[in-house]
């Protein structure tokens, strides 16, 4: 007794592919529980149909041959449990999710998956200053330029500013503290994102504390570094910025400047015209992943999370 193979049936013979694709499209914008209630289906059935849909998306997209990649890690649960996400910065989509942590061994798994021929085509790798990522990229793609992500660097500078804030709060006494207390958000946020009341609070804070005012202005000016098209001028700007720290007694900023000095090659690489890629894509992808994780709260199926991330930027089937 035999059963004929019908192309319009999905892997589950009780449903057609058209219905599976419908469920998958709905799951792009709604939770599995919502779709299960709406279609009167079992939760696990909806999830499996969604996985079939996403697997078909990945099969249609194929394995890319990226020229510029973005490398970052995400935390999948508490306890410093990390996975690595690699994106194609030109096609603007994640292409690999895996590893067991953020070690060199896990990073090598990506290059093994991509293959030697396609790895040779990588000309630019954008990452944070995590040493294992840099070491493995140098090892497997030695001709690729390494560029350190602007948003991670500015995050380090924001941490330095927050340390100055805490030092000033500890140094001051009495009513002088009231200007600093509770002002972390207004101090660390981008000025254009602040409300009118927050800008007034920031203005009062900076007028009341000279050292915080200096630290804030230095932090705001540092972003200019990525506007230069010549490494010579970028280096001159950084030297002037570093010289302005003298006599300011801003120890966290001095440590930040030393870190930039150690990683200068990965920052200056952005001055080259061929390395001008969208640095905001990786940060935007991280925000999208966090939304996916919140919507899938409680799920322990890592394969499902992997499919959700890898198909998040793919076109609808």
Foldseek 3Di string as FASTA:
>chain_A
DDDDDDPQCFPPNVHGLVVLLVLLVVCLPAFLVVSCVVVVHDSVVSLVSNLSNLVVLDVVVDQDLAQEKEKDWDALDPDQFIWIWIPRQVVLATRDIDDRHPALVRLVVVDVVNDLVSLQNHAEYEYAPDVSNVVNNCVRHVNHQAAYQPVNLLVLLLVLLVVVLVVVLVVDDDPLNVLSPPLSDLLSDDVVPDDPVSVVSVVVSCVSDVLSVVSSVLSVVLVCLLVALDLVVSVVVLVVSQVVCPPSPSVSVNVSSVVCVVVVSNHSVSSHPVNVTPSCSVVVLNVVLVVVCVSVPPDPPVVSSRSSRRCSPGDRD
